[in-house]
Amino acid sequence: MPPILLAVDKIYPKGLMWFRRDLRVDDNAALYQALRACRQVVCVFVFDRAILDALPRADRRVEFIRESLVELGAELHRLGGGLIVRHAVAEEEIASLARALDVQAVFANRDDEPDALDRDARVLGALANAGVAFHTYKDQAVFDREEVLTQVGQPYTVFTPYKRAWLAKVDDFYLKAHPVRTHAEALAPPPEKFRSAVPSLEDIGFEKTNLADLEIPTGSQGGSALFNDFSQRIDRYQATRDFPSVRGPSYLGVHLRFGTVSIRQLAGAAHQLTQQGDPGAATWLGELIWRDFFFQILAHHPHMVEGGKRRSFRPEYDRIQWHHGKHADMLFDAWCEGRTGYPLVDAAMAQINQTGYMHNRLRMVVASFLCKDLGLDWRRGERYFEIHLNDFELSSNNGNWQWASSSGCDAQPYFRIFNPVTQSERFDPEGKFIRRYLPQLSKLPNASIHAPWTATPVELEAAGVKLGENYPRPIVDHAEARERTLQRYAVVKQ
């Protein structure tokens, strides 16, 4: 349990604030509690080797974190403190630092992913052995764990009633920002021997990526700039969010993932506009509520991901007979590399491979295609997104892949199968998105760019498209694949 914080008295002479997925000063729950509870607060971030060592050496997320830490350290310095940055195994380093700095308590914002909970349990034990308290706080979600339950005290497994309960419960108290700066006098600079610049990517064994070329803004300033931009067009979100060639989304996913923006700030602004009748804000608020929903699903059903093994929320769907073997591997490689012969799918995969981002509508399209056109296990796609998405979050990624494969809670019915051609015609009608990522198809007319194999020989020749050479023929027939999928799932439903 967190300490009871008094208005006047400080509980601890010195505390350590452990930044993790909360790389900002303002409205940071754990930092606020640490400043109120301690006469002095020293801050630290650990590039956790337990996580980083398994990542590819060029990872935009690591570079995003590194650049955000530079800003965070500078802001803490302006407020009278500073930031210790370490490259180590976090569960060992935190206990070591706590002893070396002679702190009485460590503060952090909680993370309900199973691996993070296991790590924190070990940290708690190590700190307890040293006589140091460990306090964690809610900061990633508006509501988490047991805060939104059914009338009989059970977690929701269907989104719509969860959303109704969420909206009925939310008020200014839950959306209020933590006034960190009013208590900033407790920030203390690290002792001299702990001071150093934020290590370079090379120092921690990583390489620069194309993050800067993509103009992805980092840190709190970057998150604020994106939110300010989105605020000017949030009223159109409902109408624009499904079209990948339109600037409809907020693009704040990576900032939510690493806490360079506050979920309370975003949800508070959306909630206020929703109450004023803004349909775009109401739709976007619903997306933020989905995020909370998936957090609490994972917290109550950790079996879905424990031990690194993915299991279906609905166990009967683990009986599905997915394709496997060399042919399945060839299909998967074609999906990963954008060589399926379906332009919208291939353009979407080019987007994630080149940028680490994929439009939300396209995430649904490519996931459906993998599971229900190619007949491949959703876990393969989930893992690919985990490696490549800048904004990867375990709960949302797992929840959305299970939604697409019909194996999760409140998932789409198994017989709902996206048609990649009609999706393309509907959401990229002029082929603008396809042309951006598949320039070899750019000269095809709108009528055939969604399905190049239907173009006439004259159209193909005029566009310079040679099917099977500079653009593949479809690797599956959608209509036939749909029938096979219905049969595959029907076995489970018997």
Protein backbone atom coordinates (compact mmCIF):
# COMPACT_ATOMS: atom_id res chain seq x y z
CA MET A 1 0.00 0.00 0.00
CA PRO A 2 1.22 3.57 -0.64
CA PRO A 3 2.24 5.64 2.37
CA ILE A 4 -0.25 7.98 4.02
CA LEU A 5 1.06 11.35 2.95
CA LEU A 6 0.68 14.19 5.39
CA ALA A 7 0.22 17.81 4.34
CA VAL A 8 3.13 19.13 6.40
CA ASP A 9 5.47 16.41 7.62
CA LYS A 10 7.84 14.56 5.35
CA ILE A 11 7.93 10.83 5.96
CA TYR A 12 11.40 10.07 4.58
CA PRO A 13 14.65 12.08 4.67
CA LYS A 14 15.56 10.87 1.15
CA GLY A 15 13.75 8.99 -1.60
CA LEU A 16 14.58 7.65 -5.03
CA MET A 17 12.23 8.24 -7.97
CA TRP A 18 12.55 5.41 -10.50
CA PHE A 19 11.34 6.55 -13.93
CA ARG A 20 10.15 3.79 -16.25
CA ARG A 21 7.22 4.23 -18.65
CA ASP A 22 6.54 7.76 -17.40
CA LEU A 23 9.21 9.98 -18.96
CA ARG A 24 7.81 13.36 -17.96
CA VAL A 25 7.82 15.72 -14.99
CA ASP A 26 4.29 17.13 -15.08
CA ASP A 27 1.35 15.10 -13.76
CA ASN A 28 3.58 12.18 -12.80
CA ALA A 29 1.88 10.30 -9.97
CA ALA A 30 4.95 8.64 -8.44
CA LEU A 31 7.10 11.74 -8.72
CA TYR A 32 4.39 13.80 -7.05
CA GLN A 33 4.07 11.31 -4.19
CA ALA A 34 7.83 11.11 -3.77
CA LEU A 35 8.18 14.89 -3.57
CA ARG A 36 5.45 15.09 -0.97
CA ALA A 37 6.82 12.22 1.11
CA CYS A 38 10.55 13.02 1.09
CA ARG A 39 12.73 15.94 2.08
CA GLN A 40 15.01 15.09 -0.83
CA VAL A 41 14.26 13.15 -4.01
CA VAL A 42 16.91 11.82 -6.37
CA CYS A 43 15.78 10.57 -9.80
CA VAL A 44 16.98 7.61 -11.86
CA PHE A 45 16.26 5.79 -15.10
CA VAL A 46 17.73 2.40 -15.93
CA PHE A 47 18.17 1.14 -19.48
CA ASP A 48 17.17 -2.34 -18.39
CA ARG A 49 19.41 -4.95 -19.96
CA ALA A 50 16.85 -7.61 -19.11
CA ILE A 51 14.68 -5.97 -21.78
CA LEU A 52 17.16 -4.33 -24.13
CA ASP A 53 19.52 -7.23 -24.69
CA ALA A 54 16.87 -9.11 -26.69
CA LEU A 55 16.06 -6.17 -28.99
CA PRO A 56 17.51 -5.54 -32.46
CA ARG A 57 20.47 -3.17 -32.37
CA ALA A 58 18.57 -0.57 -34.39
CA ASP A 59 15.34 0.02 -32.48
CA ARG A 60 13.43 3.29 -32.77
CA ARG A 61 11.92 2.82 -29.33
CA VAL A 62 15.32 2.83 -27.66
CA GLU A 63 16.26 5.99 -29.54
CA PHE A 64 12.91 7.57 -28.61
CA ILE A 65 13.58 6.80 -24.94
CA ARG A 66 17.12 8.12 -25.14
CA GLU A 67 16.08 11.43 -26.71
CA SER A 68 13.21 11.79 -24.23
CA LEU A 69 15.61 11.23 -21.33
CA VAL A 70 17.77 14.13 -22.51
CA GLU A 71 14.75 16.43 -22.23
CA LEU A 72 13.64 14.89 -18.93
CA GLY A 73 17.08 15.31 -17.39
CA ALA A 74 17.29 18.93 -18.51
CA GLU A 75 13.87 19.71 -17.03
CA LEU A 76 14.73 18.06 -13.72
CA HIS A 77 17.97 20.06 -13.67
CA ARG A 78 16.04 23.32 -14.23
CA LEU A 79 13.89 22.45 -11.23
CA GLY A 80 16.91 21.88 -9.01
CA GLY A 81 17.35 18.14 -9.45
CA GLY A 82 18.89 15.87 -12.04
CA LEU A 83 18.71 12.40 -13.53
CA ILE A 84 20.95 9.40 -12.98
CA VAL A 85 20.92 7.13 -16.05
CA ARG A 86 22.25 3.60 -15.84
CA HIS A 87 22.61 0.69 -18.29
CA ALA A 88 22.20 -2.41 -16.15
CA VAL A 89 19.76 -5.06 -14.98
CA ALA A 90 17.19 -2.84 -13.31
CA GLU A 91 16.21 -5.13 -10.47
CA GLU A 92 19.83 -5.30 -9.37
CA GLU A 93 20.72 -1.67 -10.04
CA ILE A 94 17.81 -0.12 -8.14
CA ALA A 95 18.64 -1.96 -4.93
CA SER A 96 22.32 -1.11 -5.37
CA LEU A 97 21.57 2.58 -5.95
CA ALA A 98 19.19 2.70 -3.01
CA ARG A 99 21.97 1.52 -0.73
CA ALA A 100 24.62 3.76 -2.28
CA LEU A 101 22.41 6.85 -2.08
CA ASP A 102 21.20 5.98 1.43
CA VAL A 103 17.53 6.41 0.58
CA GLN A 104 14.68 5.19 2.74
CA ALA A 105 12.13 4.63 -0.04
CA VAL A 106 11.90 4.04 -3.77
CA PHE A 107 8.94 5.39 -5.75
CA ALA A 108 7.73 4.20 -9.17
CA ASN A 109 4.62 4.09 -11.30
CA ARG A 110 3.29 0.58 -11.57
CA ASP A 111 3.34 -1.64 -14.60
CA ASP A 112 0.91 -4.57 -14.69
CA GLU A 113 2.62 -6.59 -17.40
CA PRO A 114 3.47 -10.00 -15.89
CA ASP A 115 7.23 -9.69 -16.45
CA ALA A 116 7.20 -6.22 -14.89
CA LEU A 117 5.23 -7.47 -11.89
CA ASP A 118 7.73 -10.29 -11.40
CA ARG A 119 10.61 -7.81 -11.63
CA ASP A 120 8.97 -5.47 -9.14
CA ALA A 121 8.35 -8.33 -6.72
CA ARG A 122 12.06 -9.11 -6.79
CA VAL A 123 12.92 -5.43 -6.37
CA LEU A 124 10.54 -5.24 -3.41
CA GLY A 125 12.29 -8.17 -1.80
CA ALA A 126 15.77 -6.78 -2.38
CA LEU A 127 14.79 -3.38 -1.03
CA ALA A 128 13.05 -4.90 1.97
CA ASN A 129 16.23 -6.78 2.82
CA ALA A 130 18.01 -3.43 2.81
CA GLY A 131 15.32 -1.79 4.94
CA VAL A 132 14.06 0.36 2.05
CA ALA A 133 10.37 0.84 1.27
CA PHE A 134 9.00 0.45 -2.26
CA HIS A 135 5.86 2.37 -3.30
CA THR A 136 4.12 2.16 -6.66
CA TYR A 137 1.24 4.20 -8.08
CA LYS A 138 -1.28 4.20 -10.91
CA ASP A 139 -0.14 6.38 -13.81
CA GLN A 140 -0.63 4.50 -17.11
CA ALA A 141 -4.43 4.37 -17.04
CA VAL A 142 -7.34 6.42 -15.79
CA PHE A 143 -8.76 3.26 -14.19
CA ASP A 144 -6.90 0.01 -13.68
CA ARG A 145 -7.05 -3.26 -11.80
CA GLU A 146 -10.25 -3.41 -9.67
CA GLU A 147 -11.42 0.17 -10.18
CA VAL A 148 -14.13 -0.65 -12.74
CA LEU A 149 -16.00 -3.86 -11.92
CA THR A 150 -19.43 -5.32 -12.60
CA GLN A 151 -22.20 -5.07 -10.02
CA VAL A 152 -21.17 -8.46 -8.65
CA GLY A 153 -17.55 -7.37 -8.30
CA GLN A 154 -16.11 -9.15 -11.32
CA PRO A 155 -13.93 -7.67 -14.09
CA TYR A 156 -15.67 -6.86 -17.34
CA THR A 157 -14.92 -9.01 -20.37
CA VAL A 158 -17.18 -7.13 -22.82
CA PHE A 159 -16.20 -3.63 -23.85
CA THR A 160 -19.55 -1.83 -24.20
CA PRO A 161 -20.73 -2.34 -20.59
CA TYR A 162 -17.19 -1.61 -19.41
CA LYS A 163 -17.28 1.68 -21.31
CA ARG A 164 -20.63 2.60 -19.77
CA ALA A 165 -19.30 1.87 -16.29
CA TRP A 166 -16.09 3.79 -17.04
CA LEU A 167 -18.02 6.86 -18.17
CA ALA A 168 -20.37 6.64 -15.18
CA LYS A 169 -17.44 6.54 -12.76
CA VAL A 170 -15.11 9.12 -14.25
CA ASP A 171 -15.13 12.64 -12.81
CA ASP A 172 -12.77 15.53 -12.14
CA PHE A 173 -11.12 13.67 -9.26
CA TYR A 174 -9.84 10.88 -11.50
CA LEU A 175 -8.78 13.28 -14.27
CA LYS A 176 -7.10 15.86 -12.06
CA ALA A 177 -3.40 16.42 -12.69
CA HIS A 178 -0.82 15.87 -9.96
CA PRO A 179 0.76 19.31 -9.24
CA VAL A 180 4.37 18.19 -9.29
CA ARG A 181 5.94 21.63 -9.66
CA THR A 182 4.43 22.98 -6.45
CA HIS A 183 6.59 20.45 -4.56
CA ALA A 184 9.68 20.61 -6.76
CA GLU A 185 11.83 22.12 -4.01
CA ALA A 186 12.37 18.57 -2.77
CA LEU A 187 14.23 17.61 -5.95
CA ALA A 188 17.92 17.06 -5.26
CA PRO A 189 20.78 16.79 -7.74
CA PRO A 190 22.58 13.45 -7.72
CA PRO A 191 25.82 13.32 -5.72
CA GLU A 192 28.85 14.24 -7.81
CA LYS A 193 30.05 10.69 -8.39
CA PHE A 194 26.67 9.71 -9.86
CA ARG A 195 26.48 12.57 -12.34
CA SER A 196 26.96 11.95 -16.03
CA ALA A 197 25.35 12.77 -19.34
CA VAL A 198 22.64 10.55 -20.79
CA PRO A 199 24.60 7.78 -22.53
CA SER A 200 24.64 7.73 -26.30
CA LEU A 201 23.01 4.92 -28.24
CA GLU A 202 26.48 3.58 -28.98
CA ASP A 203 27.27 3.55 -25.26
CA ILE A 204 24.44 1.10 -24.64
CA GLY A 205 25.09 -0.99 -27.74
CA PHE A 206 22.50 0.44 -30.14
CA GLU A 207 22.57 2.22 -33.48
CA LYS A 208 20.83 5.33 -34.72
CA THR A 209 17.63 4.74 -36.65
CA ASN A 210 15.56 6.87 -39.02
CA LEU A 211 13.61 8.35 -36.09
CA ALA A 212 14.77 11.89 -36.86
CA ASP A 213 14.16 11.51 -40.59
CA LEU A 214 10.60 10.42 -39.82
CA GLU A 215 10.20 13.61 -37.76
CA ILE A 216 8.78 11.69 -34.81
CA PRO A 217 8.89 14.21 -31.94
CA THR A 218 10.23 12.95 -28.63
CA GLY A 219 9.86 13.88 -24.99
CA SER A 220 7.15 15.87 -23.27
CA GLN A 221 7.58 18.76 -25.66
CA GLY A 222 7.05 16.44 -28.62
CA GLY A 223 3.98 14.90 -27.01
CA SER A 224 2.54 18.32 -26.21
CA ALA A 225 3.11 19.51 -29.77
CA LEU A 226 1.30 16.48 -31.19
CA PHE A 227 -1.59 16.87 -28.77
CA ASN A 228 -1.92 20.57 -29.57
CA ASP A 229 -2.02 19.73 -33.26
CA PHE A 230 -4.61 17.01 -32.72
CA SER A 231 -6.73 19.31 -30.57
CA GLN A 232 -7.27 21.53 -33.61
CA ARG A 233 -8.82 18.65 -35.58
CA ILE A 234 -10.24 16.34 -32.92
CA ASP A 235 -13.77 17.34 -33.93
CA ARG A 236 -13.13 15.61 -37.28
CA TYR A 237 -11.62 12.46 -35.78
CA GLN A 238 -14.77 10.38 -36.16
CA ALA A 239 -14.96 11.21 -39.86
CA THR A 240 -11.26 10.90 -40.69
CA ARG A 241 -9.81 8.21 -38.44
CA ASP A 242 -10.32 5.28 -40.86
CA PHE A 243 -8.57 6.80 -43.87
CA PRO A 244 -4.81 6.13 -43.85
CA SER A 245 -3.96 8.88 -46.35
CA VAL A 246 -5.66 11.52 -44.17
CA ARG A 247 -4.16 13.14 -41.08
CA GLY A 248 -6.87 11.80 -38.81
CA PRO A 249 -5.22 10.00 -35.84
CA SER A 250 -3.54 11.70 -32.92
CA TYR A 251 -0.19 9.88 -33.48
CA LEU A 252 0.24 9.91 -29.69
CA GLY A 253 0.58 6.14 -29.30
CA VAL A 254 4.32 6.09 -28.69
CA HIS A 255 3.99 8.99 -26.23
CA LEU A 256 1.35 7.11 -24.26
CA ARG A 257 3.55 4.02 -24.36
CA PHE A 258 6.49 5.78 -22.73
CA GLY A 259 4.55 8.28 -20.66
CA THR A 260 5.79 11.46 -22.28
CA VAL A 261 2.16 12.57 -22.12
CA SER A 262 -0.30 12.09 -19.27
CA ILE A 263 -3.31 9.85 -19.87
CA ARG A 264 -5.23 12.03 -17.41
CA GLN A 265 -4.54 15.12 -19.49
CA LEU A 266 -5.62 13.45 -22.72
CA ALA A 267 -8.70 11.77 -21.29
CA GLY A 268 -9.65 14.91 -19.38
CA ALA A 269 -9.56 17.05 -22.51
CA ALA A 270 -11.51 14.46 -24.51
CA HIS A 271 -14.07 14.02 -21.75
CA GLN A 272 -14.68 17.74 -21.47
CA LEU A 273 -15.20 18.08 -25.22
CA THR A 274 -17.44 15.02 -25.21
CA GLN A 275 -19.67 16.63 -22.62
CA GLN A 276 -19.89 19.63 -24.92
CA GLY A 277 -21.22 17.41 -27.70
CA ASP A 278 -18.06 16.93 -29.80
CA PRO A 279 -18.52 13.62 -31.69
CA GLY A 280 -14.86 13.36 -32.66
CA ALA A 281 -13.73 13.74 -29.06
CA ALA A 282 -16.29 11.15 -27.95
CA THR A 283 -14.95 8.65 -30.48
CA TRP A 284 -11.34 9.28 -29.45
CA LEU A 285 -12.24 9.01 -25.78
CA GLY A 286 -13.67 5.60 -26.62
CA GLU A 287 -10.26 4.59 -27.98
CA LEU A 288 -8.60 5.66 -24.71
CA ILE A 289 -11.19 3.62 -22.82
CA TRP A 290 -10.33 0.58 -24.98
CA ARG A 291 -6.75 1.04 -23.78
CA ASP A 292 -7.88 0.96 -20.13
CA PHE A 293 -10.06 -2.06 -20.92
CA PHE A 294 -7.15 -4.05 -22.29
CA PHE A 295 -4.99 -3.07 -19.31
CA GLN A 296 -7.54 -4.50 -16.88
CA ILE A 297 -8.11 -7.60 -19.03
CA LEU A 298 -4.41 -8.41 -18.85
CA ALA A 299 -4.26 -7.65 -15.12
CA HIS A 300 -7.07 -10.12 -14.43
CA HIS A 301 -6.09 -12.71 -17.03
CA PRO A 302 -2.28 -12.84 -17.03
CA HIS A 303 -2.40 -16.46 -18.19
CA MET A 304 -2.75 -15.11 -21.74
CA VAL A 305 0.91 -14.05 -21.79
CA GLU A 306 2.65 -15.60 -18.79
CA GLY A 307 5.93 -17.36 -19.35
CA GLY A 308 6.23 -15.86 -22.81
CA LYS A 309 3.55 -18.27 -24.08
CA ARG A 310 0.49 -16.73 -25.69
CA ARG A 311 -2.86 -18.33 -24.97
CA SER A 312 -6.29 -17.44 -26.29
CA PHE A 313 -8.60 -15.63 -23.89
CA ARG A 314 -11.24 -18.13 -25.01
CA PRO A 315 -9.43 -21.47 -24.54
CA GLU A 316 -11.45 -23.31 -27.17
CA TYR A 317 -9.79 -21.19 -29.85
CA ASP A 318 -6.43 -22.71 -29.01
CA ARG A 319 -7.79 -25.79 -30.81
CA ILE A 320 -7.78 -24.03 -34.19
CA GLN A 321 -5.61 -25.85 -36.69
CA TRP A 322 -3.48 -23.11 -38.21
CA HIS A 323 -1.31 -23.71 -41.24
CA HIS A 324 2.26 -24.68 -40.40
CA GLY A 325 5.34 -25.94 -42.16
CA LYS A 326 7.40 -24.56 -45.01
CA HIS A 327 4.46 -23.28 -47.03
CA ALA A 328 3.10 -21.45 -44.00
CA ASP A 329 6.53 -19.92 -43.44
CA MET A 330 6.59 -18.72 -47.04
CA LEU A 331 3.16 -17.13 -46.60
CA PHE A 332 4.27 -15.46 -43.39
CA ASP A 333 7.42 -14.08 -45.00
CA ALA A 334 5.33 -12.66 -47.84
CA TRP A 335 3.01 -11.00 -45.30
CA CYS A 336 5.94 -9.54 -43.33
CA GLU A 337 7.65 -8.21 -46.44
CA GLY A 338 4.54 -6.84 -48.13
CA ARG A 339 4.47 -9.36 -50.98
CA THR A 340 0.94 -10.71 -50.69
CA GLY A 341 -0.34 -9.23 -53.98
CA TYR A 342 -3.04 -7.29 -52.13
CA PRO A 343 -1.93 -3.64 -52.33
CA LEU A 344 -3.54 -2.31 -49.15
CA VAL A 345 -2.02 -5.14 -47.11
CA ASP A 346 1.38 -4.71 -48.74
CA ALA A 347 1.36 -0.92 -48.34
CA ALA A 348 0.45 -1.29 -44.67
CA MET A 349 3.33 -3.69 -44.10
CA ALA A 350 5.67 -1.31 -45.92
CA GLN A 351 4.51 1.42 -43.55
CA ILE A 352 5.32 -0.51 -40.39
CA ASN A 353 8.62 -1.78 -41.79
CA GLN A 354 9.78 1.69 -42.82
CA THR A 355 8.39 3.76 -39.95
CA GLY A 356 7.43 1.57 -36.98
CA TYR A 357 3.89 2.91 -37.27
CA MET A 358 0.75 1.45 -38.81
CA HIS A 359 -2.61 3.15 -39.16
CA ASN A 360 -5.23 1.58 -36.86
CA ARG A 361 -7.63 0.60 -39.65
CA LEU A 362 -4.77 -1.12 -41.42
CA ARG A 363 -3.78 -3.02 -38.29
CA MET A 364 -7.21 -4.65 -38.40
CA VAL A 365 -6.96 -5.35 -42.11
CA VAL A 366 -3.53 -6.99 -42.02
CA ALA A 367 -4.37 -8.97 -38.88
CA SER A 368 -7.53 -10.34 -40.45
CA PHE A 369 -5.59 -11.16 -43.61
CA LEU A 370 -2.92 -13.08 -41.70
CA CYS A 371 -5.39 -15.16 -39.69
CA LYS A 372 -8.34 -15.53 -42.02
CA ASP A 373 -6.89 -15.31 -45.53
CA LEU A 374 -3.55 -17.00 -44.91
CA GLY A 375 -4.75 -19.24 -42.09
CA LEU A 376 -1.73 -18.42 -39.94
CA ASP A 377 -1.61 -18.32 -36.15
CA TRP A 378 -2.35 -14.85 -34.79
CA ARG A 379 0.60 -15.22 -32.42
CA ARG A 380 2.99 -14.87 -35.36
CA GLY A 381 1.54 -11.50 -36.26
CA GLU A 382 1.40 -10.40 -32.64
CA ARG A 383 5.10 -11.12 -32.26
CA TYR A 384 5.94 -9.24 -35.46
CA PHE A 385 4.08 -6.17 -34.22
CA GLU A 386 5.81 -6.49 -30.84
CA ILE A 387 9.18 -6.22 -32.55
CA HIS A 388 8.33 -3.48 -35.03
CA LEU A 389 5.72 -1.13 -33.53
CA ASN A 390 7.02 2.04 -31.93
CA ASP A 391 3.91 2.17 -29.74
CA PHE A 392 3.86 -1.53 -28.81
CA GLU A 393 1.97 -2.19 -25.59
CA LEU A 394 1.55 -5.79 -24.53
CA SER A 395 -2.07 -5.51 -23.37
CA SER A 396 -3.37 -3.63 -26.41
CA ASN A 397 -1.31 -5.60 -28.92
CA ASN A 398 -2.42 -8.93 -27.50
CA GLY A 399 -6.01 -7.78 -27.09
CA ASN A 400 -6.29 -6.44 -30.62
CA TRP A 401 -4.70 -9.49 -32.24
CA GLN A 402 -7.07 -11.73 -30.31
CA TRP A 403 -9.94 -9.48 -31.37
CA ALA A 404 -8.94 -9.87 -35.01
CA SER A 405 -8.58 -13.64 -34.72
CA SER A 406 -11.90 -13.93 -32.82
CA SER A 407 -10.12 -15.70 -29.94
CA GLY A 408 -10.24 -12.87 -27.41
CA CYS A 409 -12.72 -11.18 -25.13
CA ASP A 410 -15.45 -9.28 -26.98
CA ALA A 411 -13.80 -10.23 -30.27
CA GLN A 412 -15.32 -9.81 -33.69
CA PRO A 413 -17.32 -12.92 -34.72
CA TYR A 414 -15.23 -15.52 -36.52
CA PHE A 415 -17.37 -15.22 -39.63
CA ARG A 416 -16.56 -11.51 -39.99
CA ILE A 417 -13.66 -11.53 -42.41
CA PHE A 418 -12.27 -8.34 -43.89
CA ASN A 419 -12.12 -8.33 -47.67
CA PRO A 420 -8.78 -6.63 -48.42
CA VAL A 421 -10.01 -5.29 -51.75
CA THR A 422 -13.25 -3.75 -50.54
CA GLN A 423 -11.45 -2.34 -47.50
CA SER A 424 -8.99 -0.72 -49.89
CA GLU A 425 -11.71 0.68 -52.12
CA ARG A 426 -13.58 2.08 -49.13
CA PHE A 427 -10.77 3.56 -47.06
CA ASP A 428 -8.18 4.45 -49.71
CA PRO A 429 -10.54 5.16 -52.62
CA GLU A 430 -8.06 7.20 -54.64
CA GLY A 431 -5.14 4.92 -53.82
CA LYS A 432 -3.14 7.73 -52.23
CA PHE A 433 -1.83 5.56 -49.40
CA ILE A 434 -1.04 2.68 -51.72
CA ARG A 435 0.85 4.94 -54.12
CA ARG A 436 2.93 6.36 -51.28
CA TYR A 437 4.22 2.98 -50.14
CA LEU A 438 4.01 1.01 -53.39
CA PRO A 439 5.36 3.43 -56.00
CA GLN A 440 5.56 0.64 -58.57
CA LEU A 441 1.74 0.77 -58.69
CA SER A 442 1.49 4.55 -58.75
CA LYS A 443 0.48 4.83 -62.41
CA LEU A 444 -2.39 2.38 -62.23
CA PRO A 445 -5.84 3.95 -62.46
CA ASN A 446 -7.91 4.19 -59.28
CA ALA A 447 -10.28 1.52 -60.50
CA SER A 448 -7.60 -1.18 -60.62
CA ILE A 449 -4.99 -0.10 -58.08
CA HIS A 450 -6.81 -1.99 -55.34
CA ALA A 451 -6.64 -5.25 -57.31
CA PRO A 452 -3.96 -5.02 -60.01
CA TRP A 453 -4.69 -8.52 -61.32
CA THR A 454 -8.03 -7.16 -62.58
CA ALA A 455 -6.36 -4.47 -64.69
CA THR A 456 -6.33 -4.91 -68.45
CA PRO A 457 -3.05 -5.75 -70.19
CA VAL A 458 -3.08 -2.25 -71.69
CA GLU A 459 -3.47 -0.66 -68.24
CA LEU A 460 -0.68 -2.79 -66.79
CA GLU A 461 1.68 -1.98 -69.63
CA ALA A 462 0.92 1.75 -69.46
CA ALA A 463 1.55 1.73 -65.71
CA GLY A 464 4.77 -0.28 -66.04
CA VAL A 465 3.39 -3.04 -63.82
CA LYS A 466 4.53 -6.58 -64.52
CA LEU A 467 2.61 -8.99 -62.32
CA GLY A 468 4.89 -11.63 -60.91
CA GLU A 469 7.94 -9.43 -61.53
CA ASN A 470 7.78 -5.94 -60.03
CA TYR A 471 4.57 -6.68 -58.13
CA PRO A 472 3.35 -10.13 -57.05
CA ARG A 473 0.17 -11.85 -57.99
CA PRO A 474 -2.16 -12.61 -55.05
CA ILE A 475 -0.76 -15.42 -52.91
CA VAL A 476 -4.30 -16.57 -52.03
CA ASP A 477 -7.76 -16.18 -53.48
CA HIS A 478 -9.79 -14.28 -50.90
CA ALA A 479 -13.11 -16.01 -51.62
CA GLU A 480 -11.58 -19.47 -51.37
CA ALA A 481 -9.62 -18.52 -48.24
CA ARG A 482 -12.80 -17.24 -46.62
CA GLU A 483 -14.52 -20.59 -47.08
CA ARG A 484 -11.54 -22.43 -45.61
CA THR A 485 -11.56 -20.10 -42.61
CA LEU A 486 -15.26 -20.68 -41.96
CA GLN A 487 -14.62 -24.42 -41.98
CA ARG A 488 -11.57 -24.03 -39.70
CA TYR A 489 -13.53 -22.06 -37.10
CA ALA A 490 -16.66 -24.19 -37.42
CA VAL A 491 -14.75 -27.11 -35.95
CA VAL A 492 -14.09 -25.04 -32.84
CA LYS A 493 -17.73 -23.99 -32.56
CA GLN A 494 -19.03 -27.58 -32.62
